[in-house]
Amino acid sequence: MARVLIIDDSAVERKIIAKAMTTLGYSIIEATDGEEGEAKAKAIKPDIIVLDVVMPKKDGFQVCRSLKKAPETANIPVIMITSKDQDSDKFWGMKQGAMAYLVKPFNEEDLIAAVTKALA
């Protein structure tokens, strides 16, 4: 069973993402800000990370960049889900190492497809 780390400061968004992931049979780990998420990623080493961008303490771009630089987490796929919808934001997210960049409100099928592809 794949372990999904959801890093998002919104409890509602975490719940929506978790619901989609549990329908696939994945186990869920949650973090409420960037610092907590980065610490959990390094400690738990989940199979995939679903990461918000706009968060307190450390934003998703910083978290993704840091995880991709660390040897123990560099190979964990990251999917960014955010309200930042400019082409430059998507470009920057992908440049930090994200495998996919989805804009809120996102389509559940798009999230499932991105996660499935990343774990394949």
PDB file of N, CA and C in Angstrom:
ATOM      1  N   MET A   1       0.847  -1.184   0.000  1.00  0.00           N
ATOM      2  CA  MET A   1       0.000   0.000   0.000  1.00  0.00           C
ATOM      3  C   MET A   1       0.890   1.243   0.000  1.00  0.00           C
ATOM      4  N   ALA A   2       0.650   2.133  -0.937  1.00  0.00           N
ATOM      5  CA  ALA A   2       1.438   3.364  -1.030  1.00  0.00           C
ATOM      6  C   ALA A   2       1.074   4.316   0.106  1.00  0.00           C
ATOM      7  N   ARG A   3       2.093   5.034   0.589  1.00  0.00           N
ATOM      8  CA  ARG A   3       1.885   6.036   1.633  1.00  0.00           C
ATOM      9  C   ARG A   3       1.990   7.422   0.994  1.00  0.00           C
ATOM     10  N   VAL A   4       0.940   8.220   1.199  1.00  0.00           N
ATOM     11  CA  VAL A   4       0.862   9.555   0.620  1.00  0.00           C
ATOM     12  C   VAL A   4       0.983  10.586   1.737  1.00  0.00           C
ATOM     13  N   LEU A   5       1.948  11.482   1.611  1.00  0.00           N
ATOM     14  CA  LEU A   5       2.078  12.599   2.545  1.00  0.00           C
ATOM     15  C   LEU A   5       1.394  13.806   1.919  1.00  0.00           C
ATOM     16  N   ILE A   6       0.364  14.302   2.598  1.00  0.00           N
ATOM     17  CA  ILE A   6      -0.359  15.487   2.136  1.00  0.00           C
ATOM     18  C   ILE A   6       0.091  16.659   2.992  1.00  0.00           C
ATOM     19  N   ILE A   7       0.681  17.662   2.339  1.00  0.00           N
ATOM     20  CA  ILE A   7       1.164  18.853   3.049  1.00  0.00           C
ATOM     21  C   ILE A   7       0.337  20.043   2.571  1.00  0.00           C
ATOM     22  N   ASP A   8      -0.569  20.502   3.426  1.00  0.00           N
ATOM     23  CA  ASP A   8      -1.459  21.613   3.074  1.00  0.00           C
ATOM     24  C   ASP A   8      -1.943  22.241   4.370  1.00  0.00           C
ATOM     25  N   ASP A   9      -1.961  23.566   4.441  1.00  0.00           N
ATOM     26  CA  ASP A   9      -2.414  24.233   5.660  1.00  0.00           C
ATOM     27  C   ASP A   9      -3.930  24.271   5.776  1.00  0.00           C
ATOM     28  N   SER A  10      -4.658  23.886   4.736  1.00  0.00           N
ATOM     29  CA  SER A  10      -6.118  23.875   4.764  1.00  0.00           C
ATOM     30  C   SER A  10      -6.628  22.480   5.116  1.00  0.00           C
ATOM     31  N   ALA A  11      -7.347  22.377   6.230  1.00  0.00           N
ATOM     32  CA  ALA A  11      -7.919  21.095   6.643  1.00  0.00           C
ATOM     33  C   ALA A  11      -8.910  20.578   5.593  1.00  0.00           C
ATOM     34  N   VAL A  12      -9.643  21.484   4.978  1.00  0.00           N
ATOM     35  CA  VAL A  12     -10.620  21.092   3.950  1.00  0.00           C
ATOM     36  C   VAL A  12      -9.906  20.478   2.746  1.00  0.00           C
ATOM     37  N   GLU A  13      -8.848  21.124   2.286  1.00  0.00           N
ATOM     38  CA  GLU A  13      -8.091  20.598   1.137  1.00  0.00           C
ATOM     39  C   GLU A  13      -7.458  19.251   1.472  1.00  0.00           C
ATOM     40  N   ARG A  14      -6.895  19.129   2.678  1.00  0.00           N
ATOM     41  CA  ARG A  14      -6.308  17.841   3.080  1.00  0.00           C
ATOM     42  C   ARG A  14      -7.368  16.744   3.045  1.00  0.00           C
ATOM     43  N   LYS A  15      -8.559  17.061   3.523  1.00  0.00           N
ATOM     44  CA  LYS A  15      -9.650  16.073   3.550  1.00  0.00           C
ATOM     45  C   LYS A  15     -10.050  15.655   2.135  1.00  0.00           C
ATOM     46  N   ILE A  16     -10.151  16.610   1.225  1.00  0.00           N
ATOM     47  CA  ILE A  16     -10.520  16.320  -0.175  1.00  0.00           C
ATOM     48  C   ILE A  16      -9.459  15.439  -0.831  1.00  0.00           C
ATOM     49  N   ILE A  17      -8.191  15.783  -0.636  1.00  0.00           N
ATOM     50  CA  ILE A  17      -7.093  15.011  -1.227  1.00  0.00           C
ATOM     51  C   ILE A  17      -7.052  13.615  -0.609  1.00  0.00           C
ATOM     52  N   ALA A  18      -7.188  13.552   0.720  1.00  0.00           N
ATOM     53  CA  ALA A  18      -7.147  12.261   1.415  1.00  0.00           C
ATOM     54  C   ALA A  18      -8.266  11.345   0.935  1.00  0.00           C
ATOM     55  N   LYS A  19      -9.450  11.892   0.720  1.00  0.00           N
ATOM     56  CA  LYS A  19     -10.586  11.091   0.236  1.00  0.00           C
ATOM     57  C   LYS A  19     -10.248  10.455  -1.110  1.00  0.00           C
ATOM     58  N   ALA A  20      -9.668  11.240  -2.003  1.00  0.00           N
ATOM     59  CA  ALA A  20      -9.301  10.712  -3.324  1.00  0.00           C
ATOM     60  C   ALA A  20      -8.233   9.623  -3.198  1.00  0.00           C
ATOM     61  N   MET A  21      -7.278   9.814  -2.305  1.00  0.00           N
ATOM     62  CA  MET A  21      -6.186   8.847  -2.153  1.00  0.00           C
ATOM     63  C   MET A  21      -6.640   7.563  -1.460  1.00  0.00           C
ATOM     64  N   THR A  22      -7.562   7.674  -0.509  1.00  0.00           N
ATOM     65  CA  THR A  22      -8.038   6.468   0.174  1.00  0.00           C
ATOM     66  C   THR A  22      -8.906   5.620  -0.747  1.00  0.00           C
ATOM     67  N   THR A  23      -9.546   6.231  -1.741  1.00  0.00           N
ATOM     68  CA  THR A  23     -10.311   5.429  -2.706  1.00  0.00           C
ATOM     69  C   THR A  23      -9.372   4.536  -3.524  1.00  0.00           C
ATOM     70  N   LEU A  24      -8.101   4.930  -3.612  1.00  0.00           N
ATOM     71  CA  LEU A  24      -7.108   4.119  -4.311  1.00  0.00           C
ATOM     72  C   LEU A  24      -6.454   3.099  -3.376  1.00  0.00           C
ATOM     73  N   GLY A  25      -6.846   3.138  -2.095  1.00  0.00           N
ATOM     74  CA  GLY A  25      -6.294   2.200  -1.125  1.00  0.00           C
ATOM     75  C   GLY A  25      -4.985   2.658  -0.504  1.00  0.00           C
ATOM     76  N   TYR A  26      -4.623   3.931  -0.665  1.00  0.00           N
ATOM     77  CA  TYR A  26      -3.372   4.445  -0.133  1.00  0.00           C
ATOM     78  C   TYR A  26      -3.549   4.877   1.324  1.00  0.00           C
ATOM     79  N   SER A  27      -2.482   4.780   2.101  1.00  0.00           N
ATOM     80  CA  SER A  27      -2.524   5.287   3.469  1.00  0.00           C
ATOM     81  C   SER A  27      -2.092   6.752   3.457  1.00  0.00           C
ATOM     82  N   ILE A  28      -2.627   7.510   4.397  1.00  0.00           N
ATOM     83  CA  ILE A  28      -2.471   8.963   4.407  1.00  0.00           C
ATOM     84  C   ILE A  28      -1.690   9.423   5.632  1.00  0.00           C
ATOM     85  N   ILE A  29      -0.749  10.327   5.387  1.00  0.00           N
ATOM     86  CA  ILE A  29      -0.040  11.037   6.445  1.00  0.00           C
ATOM     87  C   ILE A  29      -0.277  12.515   6.133  1.00  0.00           C
ATOM     88  N   GLU A  30      -0.550  13.321   7.155  1.00  0.00           N
ATOM     89  CA  GLU A  30      -0.837  14.732   6.915  1.00  0.00           C
ATOM     90  C   GLU A  30       0.133  15.637   7.654  1.00  0.00           C
ATOM     91  N   ALA A  31       0.385  16.795   7.048  1.00  0.00           N
ATOM     92  CA  ALA A  31       1.176  17.853   7.678  1.00  0.00           C
ATOM     93  C   ALA A  31       0.470  19.177   7.384  1.00  0.00           C
ATOM     94  N   THR A  32       0.526  20.099   8.354  1.00  0.00           N
ATOM     95  CA  THR A  32      -0.251  21.334   8.244  1.00  0.00           C
ATOM     96  C   THR A  32       0.556  22.561   7.815  1.00  0.00           C
ATOM     97  N   ASP A  33       1.868  22.413   7.667  1.00  0.00           N
ATOM     98  CA  ASP A  33       2.670  23.521   7.144  1.00  0.00           C
ATOM     99  C   ASP A  33       3.942  22.953   6.512  1.00  0.00           C
ATOM    100  N   GLY A  34       4.703  23.813   5.880  1.00  0.00           N
ATOM    101  CA  GLY A  34       5.881  23.364   5.150  1.00  0.00           C
ATOM    102  C   GLY A  34       6.958  22.740   6.022  1.00  0.00           C
ATOM    103  N   GLU A  35       7.213  23.325   7.175  1.00  0.00           N
ATOM    104  CA  GLU A  35       8.249  22.784   8.056  1.00  0.00           C
ATOM    105  C   GLU A  35       7.879  21.391   8.562  1.00  0.00           C
ATOM    106  N   GLU A  36       6.634  21.239   9.013  1.00  0.00           N
ATOM    107  CA  GLU A  36       6.170  19.933   9.492  1.00  0.00           C
ATOM    108  C   GLU A  36       6.208  18.910   8.360  1.00  0.00           C
ATOM    109  N   GLY A  37       5.773  19.335   7.178  1.00  0.00           N
ATOM    110  CA  GLY A  37       5.762  18.439   6.025  1.00  0.00           C
ATOM    111  C   GLY A  37       7.148  17.958   5.642  1.00  0.00           C
ATOM    112  N   GLU A  38       8.095  18.876   5.630  1.00  0.00           N
ATOM    113  CA  GLU A  38       9.469  18.502   5.286  1.00  0.00           C
ATOM    114  C   GLU A  38      10.041  17.528   6.313  1.00  0.00           C
ATOM    115  N   ALA A  39       9.788  17.793   7.599  1.00  0.00           N
ATOM    116  CA  ALA A  39      10.273  16.900   8.663  1.00  0.00           C
ATOM    117  C   ALA A  39       9.652  15.509   8.533  1.00  0.00           C
ATOM    118  N   LYS A  40       8.341  15.457   8.280  1.00  0.00           N
ATOM    119  CA  LYS A  40       7.676  14.155   8.131  1.00  0.00           C
ATOM    120  C   LYS A  40       8.183  13.418   6.900  1.00  0.00           C
ATOM    121  N   ALA A  41       8.424  14.138   5.813  1.00  0.00           N
ATOM    122  CA  ALA A  41       8.926  13.500   4.588  1.00  0.00           C
ATOM    123  C   ALA A  41      10.278  12.845   4.861  1.00  0.00           C
ATOM    124  N   LYS A  42      11.132  13.536   5.578  1.00  0.00           N
ATOM    125  CA  LYS A  42      12.466  12.991   5.870  1.00  0.00           C
ATOM    126  C   LYS A  42      12.404  11.835   6.859  1.00  0.00           C
ATOM    127  N   ALA A  43      11.483  11.894   7.814  1.00  0.00           N
ATOM    128  CA  ALA A  43      11.373  10.845   8.828  1.00  0.00           C
ATOM    129  C   ALA A  43      10.654   9.596   8.294  1.00  0.00           C
ATOM    130  N   ILE A  44       9.583   9.803   7.542  1.00  0.00           N
ATOM    131  CA  ILE A  44       8.713   8.699   7.122  1.00  0.00           C
ATOM    132  C   ILE A  44       9.084   8.153   5.744  1.00  0.00           C
ATOM    133  N   LYS A  45       9.602   9.031   4.880  1.00  0.00           N
ATOM    134  CA  LYS A  45       9.909   8.672   3.492  1.00  0.00           C
ATOM    135  C   LYS A  45       8.695   8.053   2.794  1.00  0.00           C
ATOM    136  N   PRO A  46       7.652   8.873   2.584  1.00  0.00           N
ATOM    137  CA  PRO A  46       6.440   8.369   1.930  1.00  0.00           C
ATOM    138  C   PRO A  46       6.719   7.998   0.474  1.00  0.00           C
ATOM    139  N   ASP A  47       5.763   7.329  -0.147  1.00  0.00           N
ATOM    140  CA  ASP A  47       5.920   6.937  -1.548  1.00  0.00           C
ATOM    141  C   ASP A  47       5.688   8.114  -2.487  1.00  0.00           C
ATOM    142  N   ILE A  48       4.873   9.081  -2.041  1.00  0.00           N
ATOM    143  CA  ILE A  48       4.574  10.264  -2.853  1.00  0.00           C
ATOM    144  C   ILE A  48       4.144  11.394  -1.926  1.00  0.00           C
ATOM    145  N   ILE A  49       4.356  12.629  -2.386  1.00  0.00           N
ATOM    146  CA  ILE A  49       3.980  13.810  -1.610  1.00  0.00           C
ATOM    147  C   ILE A  49       3.052  14.677  -2.455  1.00  0.00           C
ATOM    148  N   VAL A  50       1.916  15.067  -1.861  1.00  0.00           N
ATOM    149  CA  VAL A  50       1.009  16.030  -2.486  1.00  0.00           C
ATOM    150  C   VAL A  50       1.181  17.313  -1.679  1.00  0.00           C
ATOM    151  N   LEU A  51       1.634  18.375  -2.353  1.00  0.00           N
ATOM    152  CA  LEU A  51       2.156  19.562  -1.679  1.00  0.00           C
ATOM    153  C   LEU A  51       1.470  20.842  -2.137  1.00  0.00           C
ATOM    154  N   ASP A  52       0.948  21.590  -1.163  1.00  0.00           N
ATOM    155  CA  ASP A  52       0.420  22.929  -1.424  1.00  0.00           C
ATOM    156  C   ASP A  52       1.604  23.884  -1.577  1.00  0.00           C
ATOM    157  N   VAL A  53       1.382  25.034  -2.179  1.00  0.00           N
ATOM    158  CA  VAL A  53       2.460  26.017  -2.319  1.00  0.00           C
ATOM    159  C   VAL A  53       2.351  27.104  -1.258  1.00  0.00           C
ATOM    160  N   VAL A  54       1.175  27.708  -1.118  1.00  0.00           N
ATOM    161  CA  VAL A  54       1.012  28.834  -0.204  1.00  0.00           C
ATOM    162  C   VAL A  54       0.699  28.301   1.197  1.00  0.00           C
ATOM    163  N   MET A  55       1.745  28.316   2.061  1.00  0.00           N
ATOM    164  CA  MET A  55       1.618  27.803   3.422  1.00  0.00           C
ATOM    165  C   MET A  55       2.468  28.633   4.367  1.00  0.00           C
ATOM    166  N   PRO A  56       2.151  28.573   5.665  1.00  0.00           N
ATOM    167  CA  PRO A  56       2.988  29.274   6.637  1.00  0.00           C
ATOM    168  C   PRO A  56       4.313  28.553   6.866  1.00  0.00           C
ATOM    169  N   LYS A  57       5.256  29.284   7.419  1.00  0.00           N
ATOM    170  CA  LYS A  57       6.587  28.825   7.818  1.00  0.00           C
ATOM    171  C   LYS A  57       7.512  28.540   6.644  1.00  0.00           C
ATOM    172  N   LYS A  58       7.075  27.713   5.697  1.00  0.00           N
ATOM    173  CA  LYS A  58       7.893  27.379   4.536  1.00  0.00           C
ATOM    174  C   LYS A  58       6.932  27.075   3.396  1.00  0.00           C
ATOM    175  N   ASP A  59       7.088  27.760   2.252  1.00  0.00           N
ATOM    176  CA  ASP A  59       6.149  27.506   1.162  1.00  0.00           C
ATOM    177  C   ASP A  59       6.509  26.217   0.409  1.00  0.00           C
ATOM    178  N   GLY A  60       5.585  25.783  -0.428  1.00  0.00           N
ATOM    179  CA  GLY A  60       5.765  24.529  -1.152  1.00  0.00           C
ATOM    180  C   GLY A  60       6.959  24.524  -2.083  1.00  0.00           C
ATOM    181  N   PHE A  61       7.277  25.662  -2.689  1.00  0.00           N
ATOM    182  CA  PHE A  61       8.457  25.734  -3.553  1.00  0.00           C
ATOM    183  C   PHE A  61       9.719  25.437  -2.740  1.00  0.00           C
ATOM    184  N   GLN A  62       9.812  26.049  -1.542  1.00  0.00           N
ATOM    185  CA  GLN A  62      10.977  25.840  -0.675  1.00  0.00           C
ATOM    186  C   GLN A  62      11.054  24.382  -0.216  1.00  0.00           C
ATOM    187  N   VAL A  63       9.906  23.820   0.167  1.00  0.00           N
ATOM    188  CA  VAL A  63       9.868  22.432   0.634  1.00  0.00           C
ATOM    189  C   VAL A  63      10.310  21.490  -0.479  1.00  0.00           C
ATOM    190  N   CYS A  64       9.752  21.667  -1.668  1.00  0.00           N
ATOM    191  CA  CYS A  64      10.080  20.796  -2.798  1.00  0.00           C
ATOM    192  C   CYS A  64      11.577  20.881  -3.114  1.00  0.00           C
ATOM    193  N   ARG A  65      12.097  22.087  -3.190  1.00  0.00           N
ATOM    194  CA  ARG A  65      13.514  22.285  -3.499  1.00  0.00           C
ATOM    195  C   ARG A  65      14.392  21.593  -2.452  1.00  0.00           C
ATOM    196  N   SER A  66      14.050  21.753  -1.186  1.00  0.00           N
ATOM    197  CA  SER A  66      14.821  21.157  -0.101  1.00  0.00           C
ATOM    198  C   SER A  66      14.770  19.629  -0.154  1.00  0.00           C
ATOM    199  N   LEU A  67      13.579  19.070  -0.396  1.00  0.00           N
ATOM    200  CA  LEU A  67      13.444  17.615  -0.463  1.00  0.00           C
ATOM    201  C   LEU A  67      14.197  17.039  -1.657  1.00  0.00           C
ATOM    202  N   LYS A  68      14.198  17.737  -2.763  1.00  0.00           N
ATOM    203  CA  LYS A  68      14.882  17.241  -3.962  1.00  0.00           C
ATOM    204  C   LYS A  68      16.401  17.328  -3.828  1.00  0.00           C
ATOM    205  N   LYS A  69      16.890  18.212  -2.953  1.00  0.00           N
ATOM    206  CA  LYS A  69      18.335  18.322  -2.721  1.00  0.00           C
ATOM    207  C   LYS A  69      18.835  17.277  -1.727  1.00  0.00           C
ATOM    208  N   ALA A  70      17.958  16.787  -0.855  1.00  0.00           N
ATOM    209  CA  ALA A  70      18.358  15.821   0.176  1.00  0.00           C
ATOM    210  C   ALA A  70      18.389  14.412  -0.408  1.00  0.00           C
ATOM    211  N   PRO A  71      19.517  13.709  -0.305  1.00  0.00           N
ATOM    212  CA  PRO A  71      19.624  12.368  -0.905  1.00  0.00           C
ATOM    213  C   PRO A  71      18.538  11.392  -0.455  1.00  0.00           C
ATOM    214  N   GLU A  72      18.124  11.488   0.830  1.00  0.00           N
ATOM    215  CA  GLU A  72      17.146  10.526   1.345  1.00  0.00           C
ATOM    216  C   GLU A  72      15.724  10.762   0.849  1.00  0.00           C
ATOM    217  N   THR A  73      15.441  11.947   0.288  1.00  0.00           N
ATOM    218  CA  THR A  73      14.088  12.245  -0.203  1.00  0.00           C
ATOM    219  C   THR A  73      14.065  12.653  -1.676  1.00  0.00           C
ATOM    220  N   ALA A  74      15.210  12.699  -2.316  1.00  0.00           N
ATOM    221  CA  ALA A  74      15.302  13.200  -3.697  1.00  0.00           C
ATOM    222  C   ALA A  74      14.440  12.415  -4.687  1.00  0.00           C
ATOM    223  N   ASN A  75      14.243  11.131  -4.433  1.00  0.00           N
ATOM    224  CA  ASN A  75      13.497  10.306  -5.393  1.00  0.00           C
ATOM    225  C   ASN A  75      12.012  10.175  -5.088  1.00  0.00           C
ATOM    226  N   ILE A  76      11.534  10.864  -4.062  1.00  0.00           N
ATOM    227  CA  ILE A  76      10.101  10.820  -3.749  1.00  0.00           C
ATOM    228  C   ILE A  76       9.377  11.762  -4.712  1.00  0.00           C
ATOM    229  N   PRO A  77       8.403  11.245  -5.485  1.00  0.00           N
ATOM    230  CA  PRO A  77       7.672  12.133  -6.399  1.00  0.00           C
ATOM    231  C   PRO A  77       6.839  13.168  -5.631  1.00  0.00           C
ATOM    232  N   VAL A  78       6.814  14.384  -6.164  1.00  0.00           N
ATOM    233  CA  VAL A  78       6.053  15.482  -5.563  1.00  0.00           C
ATOM    234  C   VAL A  78       5.041  15.992  -6.582  1.00  0.00           C
ATOM    235  N   ILE A  79       3.791  16.113  -6.132  1.00  0.00           N
ATOM    236  CA  ILE A  79       2.739  16.728  -6.944  1.00  0.00           C
ATOM    237  C   ILE A  79       2.308  17.986  -6.217  1.00  0.00           C
ATOM    238  N   MET A  80       2.383  19.120  -6.890  1.00  0.00           N
ATOM    239  CA  MET A  80       1.963  20.384  -6.293  1.00  0.00           C
ATOM    240  C   MET A  80       0.508  20.647  -6.647  1.00  0.00           C
ATOM    241  N   ILE A  81      -0.247  21.060  -5.636  1.00  0.00           N
ATOM    242  CA  ILE A  81      -1.641  21.484  -5.836  1.00  0.00           C
ATOM    243  C   ILE A  81      -1.758  22.846  -5.181  1.00  0.00           C
ATOM    244  N   THR A  82      -2.123  23.854  -5.959  1.00  0.00           N
ATOM    245  CA  THR A  82      -2.074  25.216  -5.439  1.00  0.00           C
ATOM    246  C   THR A  82      -3.072  26.144  -6.127  1.00  0.00           C
ATOM    247  N   SER A  83      -3.320  27.269  -5.491  1.00  0.00           N
ATOM    248  CA  SER A  83      -4.156  28.309  -6.099  1.00  0.00           C
ATOM    249  C   SER A  83      -3.329  29.206  -7.021  1.00  0.00           C
ATOM    250  N   LYS A  84      -2.015  29.064  -6.991  1.00  0.00           N
ATOM    251  CA  LYS A  84      -1.134  29.882  -7.840  1.00  0.00           C
ATOM    252  C   LYS A  84      -1.220  29.345  -9.274  1.00  0.00           C
ATOM    253  N   ASP A  85      -1.919  30.095 -10.116  1.00  0.00           N
ATOM    254  CA  ASP A  85      -2.279  29.570 -11.439  1.00  0.00           C
ATOM    255  C   ASP A  85      -1.569  30.225 -12.623  1.00  0.00           C
ATOM    256  N   GLN A  86      -0.564  31.036 -12.364  1.00  0.00           N
ATOM    257  CA  GLN A  86       0.161  31.672 -13.468  1.00  0.00           C
ATOM    258  C   GLN A  86       1.122  30.668 -14.114  1.00  0.00           C
ATOM    259  N   ASP A  87       1.377  30.845 -15.401  1.00  0.00           N
ATOM    260  CA  ASP A  87       2.336  29.973 -16.088  1.00  0.00           C
ATOM    261  C   ASP A  87       3.703  30.015 -15.408  1.00  0.00           C
ATOM    262  N   SER A  88       4.085  31.189 -14.913  1.00  0.00           N
ATOM    263  CA  SER A  88       5.382  31.321 -14.248  1.00  0.00           C
ATOM    264  C   SER A  88       5.414  30.504 -12.952  1.00  0.00           C
ATOM    265  N   ASP A  89       4.269  30.408 -12.257  1.00  0.00           N
ATOM    266  CA  ASP A  89       4.200  29.603 -11.032  1.00  0.00           C
ATOM    267  C   ASP A  89       4.384  28.123 -11.373  1.00  0.00           C
ATOM    268  N   LYS A  90       3.697  27.681 -12.426  1.00  0.00           N
ATOM    269  CA  LYS A  90       3.813  26.277 -12.842  1.00  0.00           C
ATOM    270  C   LYS A  90       5.261  25.986 -13.256  1.00  0.00           C
ATOM    271  N   PHE A  91       5.831  26.874 -14.031  1.00  0.00           N
ATOM    272  CA  PHE A  91       7.220  26.709 -14.460  1.00  0.00           C
ATOM    273  C   PHE A  91       8.137  26.585 -13.237  1.00  0.00           C
ATOM    274  N   TRP A  92       7.958  27.477 -12.256  1.00  0.00           N
ATOM    275  CA  TRP A  92       8.804  27.489 -11.074  1.00  0.00           C
ATOM    276  C   TRP A  92       8.612  26.206 -10.265  1.00  0.00           C
ATOM    277  N   GLY A  93       7.367  25.742 -10.140  1.00  0.00           N
ATOM    278  CA  GLY A  93       7.095  24.509  -9.410  1.00  0.00           C
ATOM    279  C   GLY A  93       7.765  23.305 -10.054  1.00  0.00           C
ATOM    280  N   MET A  94       7.697  23.224 -11.362  1.00  0.00           N
ATOM    281  CA  MET A  94       8.316  22.110 -12.074  1.00  0.00           C
ATOM    282  C   MET A  94       9.846  22.214 -11.973  1.00  0.00           C
ATOM    283  N   LYS A  95      10.348  23.435 -11.986  1.00  0.00           N
ATOM    284  CA  LYS A  95      11.793  23.644 -11.873  1.00  0.00           C
ATOM    285  C   LYS A  95      12.314  23.205 -10.497  1.00  0.00           C
ATOM    286  N   GLN A  96      11.461  23.280  -9.474  1.00  0.00           N
ATOM    287  CA  GLN A  96      11.864  22.845  -8.125  1.00  0.00           C
ATOM    288  C   GLN A  96      11.889  21.315  -8.010  1.00  0.00           C
ATOM    289  N   GLY A  97      11.307  20.630  -8.993  1.00  0.00           N
ATOM    290  CA  GLY A  97      11.341  19.174  -8.982  1.00  0.00           C
ATOM    291  C   GLY A  97       9.997  18.488  -8.935  1.00  0.00           C
ATOM    292  N   ALA A  98       8.910  19.245  -8.986  1.00  0.00           N
ATOM    293  CA  ALA A  98       7.575  18.630  -8.974  1.00  0.00           C
ATOM    294  C   ALA A  98       7.349  17.831 -10.260  1.00  0.00           C
ATOM    295  N   MET A  99       6.646  16.702 -10.137  1.00  0.00           N
ATOM    296  CA  MET A  99       6.313  15.884 -11.312  1.00  0.00           C
ATOM    297  C   MET A  99       5.050  16.373 -11.994  1.00  0.00           C
ATOM    298  N   ALA A 100       4.174  17.022 -11.206  1.00  0.00           N
ATOM    299  CA  ALA A 100       2.916  17.545 -11.749  1.00  0.00           C
ATOM    300  C   ALA A 100       2.546  18.785 -10.955  1.00  0.00           C
ATOM    301  N   TYR A 101       1.755  19.649 -11.590  1.00  0.00           N
ATOM    302  CA  TYR A 101       1.339  20.910 -10.983  1.00  0.00           C
ATOM    303  C   TYR A 101      -0.135  21.092 -11.286  1.00  0.00           C
ATOM    304  N   LEU A 102      -0.985  20.957 -10.275  1.00  0.00           N
ATOM    305  CA  LEU A 102      -2.425  21.096 -10.448  1.00  0.00           C
ATOM    306  C   LEU A 102      -2.891  22.368  -9.756  1.00  0.00           C
ATOM    307  N   VAL A 103      -3.872  23.040 -10.356  1.00  0.00           N
ATOM    308  CA  VAL A 103      -4.379  24.301  -9.823  1.00  0.00           C
ATOM    309  C   VAL A 103      -5.712  24.056  -9.116  1.00  0.00           C
ATOM    310  N   LYS A 104      -5.856  24.652  -7.916  1.00  0.00           N
ATOM    311  CA  LYS A 104      -7.106  24.592  -7.154  1.00  0.00           C
ATOM    312  C   LYS A 104      -8.106  25.545  -7.784  1.00  0.00           C
ATOM    313  N   PRO A 105      -9.377  25.215  -7.834  1.00  0.00           N
ATOM    314  CA  PRO A 105      -9.937  23.913  -7.472  1.00  0.00           C
ATOM    315  C   PRO A 105      -9.558  22.882  -8.528  1.00  0.00           C
ATOM    316  N   PHE A 106      -9.066  21.744  -8.073  1.00  0.00           N
ATOM    317  CA  PHE A 106      -8.594  20.724  -8.995  1.00  0.00           C
ATOM    318  C   PHE A 106      -9.667  19.676  -9.225  1.00  0.00           C
ATOM    319  N   ASN A 107      -9.503  18.954 -10.308  1.00  0.00           N
ATOM    320  CA  ASN A 107     -10.393  17.860 -10.658  1.00  0.00           C
ATOM    321  C   ASN A 107      -9.832  16.594 -10.012  1.00  0.00           C
ATOM    322  N   GLU A 108     -10.660  15.872  -9.264  1.00  0.00           N
ATOM    323  CA  GLU A 108     -10.207  14.668  -8.564  1.00  0.00           C
ATOM    324  C   GLU A 108      -9.598  13.646  -9.526  1.00  0.00           C
ATOM    325  N   GLU A 109     -10.154  13.531 -10.715  1.00  0.00           N
ATOM    326  CA  GLU A 109      -9.623  12.588 -11.706  1.00  0.00           C
ATOM    327  C   GLU A 109      -8.215  12.984 -12.140  1.00  0.00           C
ATOM    328  N   ASP A 110      -7.959  14.286 -12.254  1.00  0.00           N
ATOM    329  CA  ASP A 110      -6.614  14.753 -12.620  1.00  0.00           C
ATOM    330  C   ASP A 110      -5.605  14.417 -11.522  1.00  0.00           C
ATOM    331  N   LEU A 111      -6.027  14.573 -10.271  1.00  0.00           N
ATOM    332  CA  LEU A 111      -5.146  14.232  -9.155  1.00  0.00           C
ATOM    333  C   LEU A 111      -4.839  12.734  -9.161  1.00  0.00           C
ATOM    334  N   ILE A 112      -5.862  11.919  -9.303  1.00  0.00           N
ATOM    335  CA  ILE A 112      -5.673  10.465  -9.320  1.00  0.00           C
ATOM    336  C   ILE A 112      -4.759  10.062 -10.473  1.00  0.00           C
ATOM    337  N   ALA A 113      -4.963  10.667 -11.637  1.00  0.00           N
ATOM    338  CA  ALA A 113      -4.119  10.353 -12.800  1.00  0.00           C
ATOM    339  C   ALA A 113      -2.664  10.751 -12.532  1.00  0.00           C
ATOM    340  N   ALA A 114      -2.448  11.921 -11.943  1.00  0.00           N
ATOM    341  CA  ALA A 114      -1.082  12.386 -11.672  1.00  0.00           C
ATOM    342  C   ALA A 114      -0.393  11.488 -10.654  1.00  0.00           C
ATOM    343  N   VAL A 115      -1.106  11.084  -9.606  1.00  0.00           N
ATOM    344  CA  VAL A 115      -0.526  10.223  -8.583  1.00  0.00           C
ATOM    345  C   VAL A 115      -0.224   8.851  -9.153  1.00  0.00           C
ATOM    346  N   THR A 116      -1.166   8.311  -9.903  1.00  0.00           N
ATOM    347  CA  THR A 116      -0.990   6.983 -10.506  1.00  0.00           C
ATOM    348  C   THR A 116       0.221   6.976 -11.437  1.00  0.00           C
ATOM    349  N   LYS A 117       0.345   8.030 -12.248  1.00  0.00           N
ATOM    350  CA  LYS A 117       1.476   8.138 -13.166  1.00  0.00           C
ATOM    351  C   LYS A 117       2.790   8.263 -12.400  1.00  0.00           C
ATOM    352  N   ALA A 118       2.797   9.064 -11.352  1.00  0.00           N
ATOM    353  CA  ALA A 118       4.025   9.274 -10.569  1.00  0.00           C
ATOM    354  C   ALA A 118       4.476   7.996  -9.868  1.00  0.00           C
ATOM    355  N   LEU A 119       3.535   7.163  -9.470  1.00  0.00           N
ATOM    356  CA  LEU A 119       3.875   5.932  -8.754  1.00  0.00           C
ATOM    357  C   LEU A 119       4.142   4.752  -9.681  1.00  0.00           C
ATOM    358  N   ALA A 120       3.884   4.936 -10.976  1.00  0.00           N
ATOM    359  CA  ALA A 120       4.047   3.829 -11.926  1.00  0.00           C
ATOM    360  C   ALA A 120       5.505   3.472 -12.119  1.00  0.00           C
TER     361      ALA A 120
END
